[in-house]
N, C-alpha and C. Protein backbone atom coordinates (compact mmCIF):
# COMPACT_ATOMS: atom_id res chain seq x y z
N MET A 1 1.12 -1.27 -0.04
CA MET A 1 -0.30 0.31 -0.04
C MET A 1 0.82 1.52 -0.05
N GLN A 2 0.84 1.85 -1.03
CA GLN A 2 1.66 3.17 -1.43
C GLN A 2 1.35 4.47 -0.67
N CYS A 3 -0.42 4.32 -0.56
CA CYS A 3 -0.38 5.80 0.05
C CYS A 3 -1.29 5.78 1.09
N LYS A 4 0.14 6.70 2.07
CA LYS A 4 0.11 6.78 3.32
C LYS A 4 -1.54 7.15 3.55
N GLN A 5 -2.03 8.34 3.26
CA GLN A 5 -3.21 8.36 3.63
C GLN A 5 -4.18 7.33 3.84
N LEU A 6 -4.49 6.65 3.28
CA LEU A 6 -4.95 5.73 2.88
C LEU A 6 -4.81 4.12 4.00
N LEU A 7 -3.62 4.37 4.63
CA LEU A 7 -3.29 3.15 5.33
C LEU A 7 -3.82 4.28 6.46
N ARG A 8 -3.65 5.41 6.73
CA ARG A 8 -3.82 6.05 8.07
C ARG A 8 -5.62 5.44 8.65
N LEU A 9 -6.16 6.08 7.47
CA LEU A 9 -7.73 5.77 7.23
C LEU A 9 -8.26 4.31 7.68
N VAL A 10 -7.74 3.41 6.88
CA VAL A 10 -8.25 1.84 7.13
C VAL A 10 -7.92 1.68 8.68
N LYS A 11 -6.55 1.89 9.19
CA LYS A 11 -6.36 2.08 10.65
C LYS A 11 -7.59 2.59 11.60
N GLU A 12 -7.66 3.94 11.09
CA GLU A 12 -9.04 4.67 11.89
C GLU A 12 -9.92 3.89 11.55
N TRP A 13 -10.82 3.37 10.27
CA TRP A 13 -11.65 3.13 10.40
C TRP A 13 -12.07 1.74 10.86
N TYR A 14 -10.68 0.91 10.63
CA TYR A 14 -10.98 -0.79 11.58
C TYR A 14 -11.12 -0.31 12.84
N THR A 15 -10.71 1.00 13.78
CA THR A 15 -10.77 1.05 15.08
C THR A 15 -12.24 1.05 15.21
N HIS A 16 -12.98 1.43 14.65
CA HIS A 16 -14.20 1.85 14.51
C HIS A 16 -15.27 0.83 14.27
N VAL A 17 -14.79 0.03 13.41
CA VAL A 17 -15.66 -1.41 13.39
C VAL A 17 -15.17 -2.17 14.47
N ARG A 18 -14.38 -2.47 15.26
CA ARG A 18 -14.07 -3.16 16.44
C ARG A 18 -14.40 -2.74 17.16
N GLN A 19 -14.79 -1.50 17.68
CA GLN A 19 -15.73 -0.78 18.61
C GLN A 19 -16.75 -0.77 18.26
N GLU A 20 -17.39 -1.06 17.11
CA GLU A 20 -18.88 -1.71 16.82
C GLU A 20 -19.53 -0.34 16.82
N THR A 21 -18.83 1.13 16.46
CA THR A 21 -19.06 2.01 15.96
C THR A 21 -19.66 2.55 14.55
N MET A 22 -19.08 1.30 13.47
CA MET A 22 -18.78 1.31 12.27
C MET A 22 -19.47 0.08 11.82
N ALA A 23 -20.45 -0.03 10.53
CA ALA A 23 -20.40 -1.29 10.15
C ALA A 23 -19.23 -1.99 9.04
N PRO A 24 -18.41 -3.17 9.03
CA PRO A 24 -17.92 -3.22 8.23
C PRO A 24 -17.89 -2.74 6.85
N GLY A 25 -19.27 -3.03 6.50
CA GLY A 25 -19.74 -2.87 4.90
C GLY A 25 -19.00 -1.28 4.70
N ARG A 26 -19.58 -0.51 5.71
CA ARG A 26 -19.58 0.93 5.39
C ARG A 26 -17.78 1.37 5.19
N MET A 27 -17.02 0.83 6.39
CA MET A 27 -15.58 0.78 6.03
C MET A 27 -15.04 0.96 4.75
N MET A 28 -15.53 -0.37 4.02
CA MET A 28 -15.43 -1.00 2.78
C MET A 28 -15.67 0.13 1.48
N GLN A 29 -16.89 0.58 1.85
CA GLN A 29 -17.10 1.65 1.08
C GLN A 29 -16.27 3.00 1.02
N PHE A 30 -15.89 3.48 2.20
CA PHE A 30 -14.83 4.34 2.51
C PHE A 30 -13.74 4.39 1.87
N VAL A 31 -13.20 2.90 1.85
CA VAL A 31 -11.90 2.37 1.05
C VAL A 31 -12.03 2.64 0.01
N ASP A 32 -13.12 2.08 -0.61
CA ASP A 32 -13.53 2.00 -2.35
C ASP A 32 -13.88 3.62 -2.81
N SER A 33 -14.03 4.31 -1.94
CA SER A 33 -14.31 5.53 -2.55
C SER A 33 -13.27 6.47 -2.52
N HIS A 34 -12.14 6.33 -1.46
CA HIS A 34 -10.78 6.76 -1.40
C HIS A 34 -9.82 6.59 -2.36
N VAL A 35 -10.11 4.99 -3.05
CA VAL A 35 -9.43 4.62 -4.27
C VAL A 35 -9.53 5.48 -5.04
N LYS A 36 -11.06 5.51 -5.68
CA LYS A 36 -11.28 5.84 -7.15
C LYS A 36 -10.96 7.46 -7.13
N GLU A 37 -10.99 7.94 -6.01
CA GLU A 37 -10.50 9.54 -5.60
C GLU A 37 -8.76 9.76 -5.64
N CYS A 38 -8.10 8.83 -5.22
CA CYS A 38 -6.64 9.39 -4.81
C CYS A 38 -5.64 8.80 -5.89
N LYS A 39 -5.12 10.01 -6.30
CA LYS A 39 -4.20 9.06 -7.19
C LYS A 39 -3.26 8.26 -7.57
N VAL A 40 -2.46 8.45 -6.20
CA VAL A 40 -1.53 7.48 -5.50
C VAL A 40 -1.92 5.95 -5.56
N CYS A 41 -3.84 5.92 -5.14
CA CYS A 41 -4.09 4.52 -4.88
C CYS A 41 -4.44 4.57 -6.91
N ARG A 42 -5.23 5.18 -7.29
CA ARG A 42 -5.27 4.46 -9.11
C ARG A 42 -3.53 4.21 -9.57
N GLU A 43 -2.81 4.09 -8.96
CA GLU A 43 -1.47 3.99 -10.06
C GLU A 43 -0.90 2.88 -9.11
N ASP A 44 -1.38 2.22 -7.78
CA ASP A 44 -0.67 1.35 -6.91
C ASP A 44 -1.58 0.14 -8.05
N SER A 45 -0.73 -0.84 -8.14
CA SER A 45 -1.01 -1.88 -9.23
C SER A 45 -1.24 -3.28 -8.17
N GLY A 46 -0.37 -3.32 -7.10
CA GLY A 46 -0.81 -4.16 -6.13
C GLY A 46 -1.92 -4.28 -5.01
N LEU A 47 -2.55 -2.75 -5.26
CA LEU A 47 -4.00 -2.11 -4.03
C LEU A 47 -4.93 -3.42 -4.69
N PRO A 48 -5.50 -3.69 -5.52
CA PRO A 48 -6.66 -4.29 -5.16
C PRO A 48 -6.51 -5.79 -4.44
N ARG A 49 -4.98 -6.30 -4.16
CA ARG A 49 -4.97 -7.89 -3.64
C ARG A 49 -5.15 -6.87 -2.23
N GLU A 50 -4.17 -6.30 -2.21
CA GLU A 50 -3.92 -5.48 -0.61
C GLU A 50 -5.54 -5.35 -0.17
N ILE A 51 -6.54 -4.72 -0.60
CA ILE A 51 -7.70 -4.32 -0.43
C ILE A 51 -8.83 -5.79 0.03
N GLU A 52 -8.39 -6.90 -0.87
CA GLU A 52 -9.03 -7.94 -1.10
C GLU A 52 -8.70 -9.01 0.24
N LYS A 53 -7.66 -8.26 0.79
CA LYS A 53 -7.11 -8.99 2.07
C LYS A 53 -7.52 -8.57 3.27
N ILE A 54 -7.89 -6.89 3.25
CA ILE A 54 -8.31 -6.01 4.16
C ILE A 54 -10.05 -6.51 4.58
N ARG A 55 -10.86 -7.10 2.99
CA ARG A 55 -11.86 -7.33 3.12
C ARG A 55 -12.10 -8.31 3.86
N GLU A 56 -11.37 -10.09 3.92
CA GLU A 56 -11.48 -11.14 4.36
C GLU A 56 -11.33 -10.80 5.26
N HIS A 57 -10.47 -9.99 6.26
CA HIS A 57 -10.13 -9.84 7.48
C HIS A 57 -11.30 -8.86 8.31
N VAL A 58 -11.89 -8.10 7.31
CA VAL A 58 -12.61 -7.39 8.06
C VAL A 58 -14.16 -8.30 7.98
N PHE A 59 -14.61 -9.09 7.12
CA PHE A 59 -15.98 -10.33 6.81
C PHE A 59 -15.58 -11.15 7.46
N PRO A 60 -14.99 -11.81 8.24
CA PRO A 60 -14.69 -13.62 8.68
C PRO A 60 -15.44 -14.01 8.77
N GLU A 61 -16.08 -13.08 9.69
CA GLU A 61 -17.54 -14.00 10.35
C GLU A 61 -18.43 -14.19 9.67
N LEU A 62 -18.98 -13.42 8.44
CA LEU A 62 -20.18 -13.22 7.73
C LEU A 62 -19.48 -14.21 6.75
N LYS A 63 -18.75 -15.06 6.13
CA LYS A 63 -18.35 -16.37 5.55
C LYS A 63 -18.74 -17.20 6.26
N HIS A 64 -18.47 -17.40 7.56
CA HIS A 64 -18.54 -18.39 8.14
C HIS A 64 -19.99 -18.87 8.49
N ALA A 65 -20.91 -17.91 8.75
CA ALA A 65 -22.28 -17.36 9.02
C ALA A 65 -23.04 -17.94 7.64
N LYS A 66 -22.29 -17.39 6.08
CA LYS A 66 -23.09 -18.06 5.43
C LYS A 66 -22.89 -19.31 4.89
N ALA A 67 -21.81 -20.13 5.61
CA ALA A 67 -21.43 -21.41 5.06
C ALA A 67 -22.59 -22.11 6.08
N GLY A 68 -22.84 -21.93 7.24
CA GLY A 68 -23.30 -22.40 8.31
C GLY A 68 -24.57 -23.12 7.44
N ARG A 69 -25.50 -21.40 7.46
CA ARG A 69 -26.70 -21.17 7.08
C ARG A 69 -26.95 -21.41 5.47
N ALA A 70 -25.98 -22.21 4.82
CA ALA A 70 -26.00 -22.69 3.16
C ALA A 70 -26.73 -24.62 4.07
N THR A 71 -25.37 -24.74 4.44
CA THR A 71 -25.71 -26.29 5.28
C THR A 71 -27.11 -26.29 5.63
N GLN A 72 -27.61 -25.94 6.43
CA GLN A 72 -28.69 -25.83 7.19
C GLN A 72 -29.98 -25.67 6.30
N ASP A 73 -29.85 -24.87 5.15
CA ASP A 73 -31.34 -24.66 4.11
C ASP A 73 -31.03 -25.80 3.25
N LEU A 74 -30.29 -26.66 3.41
CA LEU A 74 -30.18 -27.99 2.62
C LEU A 74 -30.74 -29.11 3.10
N PHE A 75 -31.07 -29.20 4.28
CA PHE A 75 -31.90 -30.35 5.06
C PHE A 75 -33.05 -29.56 6.03
N THR A 76 -34.43 -29.21 5.92
CA THR A 76 -35.11 -28.93 6.28
C THR A 76 -35.80 -30.27 6.76
N PRO A 77 -35.95 -30.82 8.02
CA PRO A 77 -36.94 -32.00 8.33
C PRO A 77 -38.26 -31.68 7.96
N ASP A 78 -39.20 -32.36 7.87
CA ASP A 78 -40.69 -32.23 7.99
C ASP A 78 -40.76 -33.00 9.55
N ILE A 79 -41.31 -31.95 10.23
CA ILE A 79 -41.98 -32.47 11.77
C ILE A 79 -42.87 -33.55 11.25
N PHE A 80 -44.37 -33.19 10.92
CA PHE A 80 -44.74 -34.28 10.78
C PHE A 80 -45.01 -34.98 9.43
N ALA A 81 -44.17 -35.65 9.14
CA ALA A 81 -44.26 -36.73 7.38
C ALA A 81 -45.08 -37.44 7.60
N GLY A 82 -45.86 -38.03 8.76
CA GLY A 82 -46.32 -39.58 8.89
C GLY A 82 -47.65 -39.19 9.10
N ASP A 83 -48.14 -38.23 9.69
CA ASP A 83 -48.97 -37.41 10.00
C ASP A 83 -50.09 -37.58 9.18
N GLU A 84 -51.34 -37.61 9.26
CA GLU A 84 -52.29 -37.26 8.40
C GLU A 84 -52.84 -35.64 8.16
N PRO A 85 -53.30 -35.53 7.26
CA PRO A 85 -53.90 -33.77 7.06
C PRO A 85 -54.71 -33.59 8.12
N ASP A 86 -55.07 -32.33 8.77
CA ASP A 86 -55.75 -32.07 9.82
C ASP A 86 -57.10 -31.55 9.08
N ASN A 87 -58.17 -32.06 9.11
CA ASN A 87 -59.25 -31.60 8.40
C ASN A 87 -60.64 -31.34 9.79
N ASP A 88 -60.03 -30.84 11.08
CA ASP A 88 -60.92 -30.25 12.16
C ASP A 88 -61.14 -29.01 12.27
N PRO A 89 -61.88 -29.18 12.67
CA PRO A 89 -62.00 -26.57 12.31
C PRO A 89 -61.12 -25.94 13.19
N PRO A 90 -60.69 -25.09 12.90
CA PRO A 90 -59.80 -24.35 14.20
C PRO A 90 -60.79 -24.36 15.51
N ASP A 91 -59.69 -24.19 16.59
CA ASP A 91 -60.62 -24.35 18.35
C ASP A 91 -61.22 -23.39 18.13
N ASP A 92 -60.53 -22.00 17.56
CA ASP A 92 -61.98 -20.54 18.08
C ASP A 92 -62.93 -20.63 17.38
N LEU A 93 -63.22 -21.66 16.44
CA LEU A 93 -64.94 -22.15 15.60
C LEU A 93 -65.42 -22.86 16.58
N PRO A 94 -67.09 -22.52 16.21
CA PRO A 94 -67.72 -23.65 16.90
C PRO A 94 -67.23 -25.28 15.99
N ALA A 95 -67.81 -26.07 16.50
CA ALA A 95 -67.91 -27.10 15.72
C ALA A 95 -68.78 -27.06 14.68
N ASP A 96 -69.99 -26.69 14.74
CA ASP A 96 -70.94 -26.49 13.74
C ASP A 96 -71.14 -25.66 12.75
N GLY A 97 -69.95 -24.79 12.80
CA GLY A 97 -69.60 -23.41 11.43
C GLY A 97 -69.73 -21.77 12.52
N PRO A 98 -69.76 -21.51 11.94
CA PRO A 98 -69.06 -19.76 12.39
C PRO A 98 -70.45 -18.99 12.80
N PHE A 99 -71.23 -19.37 12.53
CA PHE A 99 -72.35 -18.99 12.74
C PHE A 99 -73.68 -20.00 14.01
């Protein structure tokens, strides 16, 4: 990372993320915004790799949560698989109808 300003800002923003006063996604928006506007950052050929490493560091728990959720979504147990359909009237209505 050749831009000293970006390095300082990333450290500052990451402190806010750790204190939970800034969302990780917001931090990465600020990084992207700075890179688009900064001449030094636009000329740094290795910066995209470094930003990706920062992104992976800031969002590791989201990757684990998505992975866990994906495996849970694959299997949804049928609680009443062997039961017959419920043809009884709802409990709040009289047995002979609503009137």
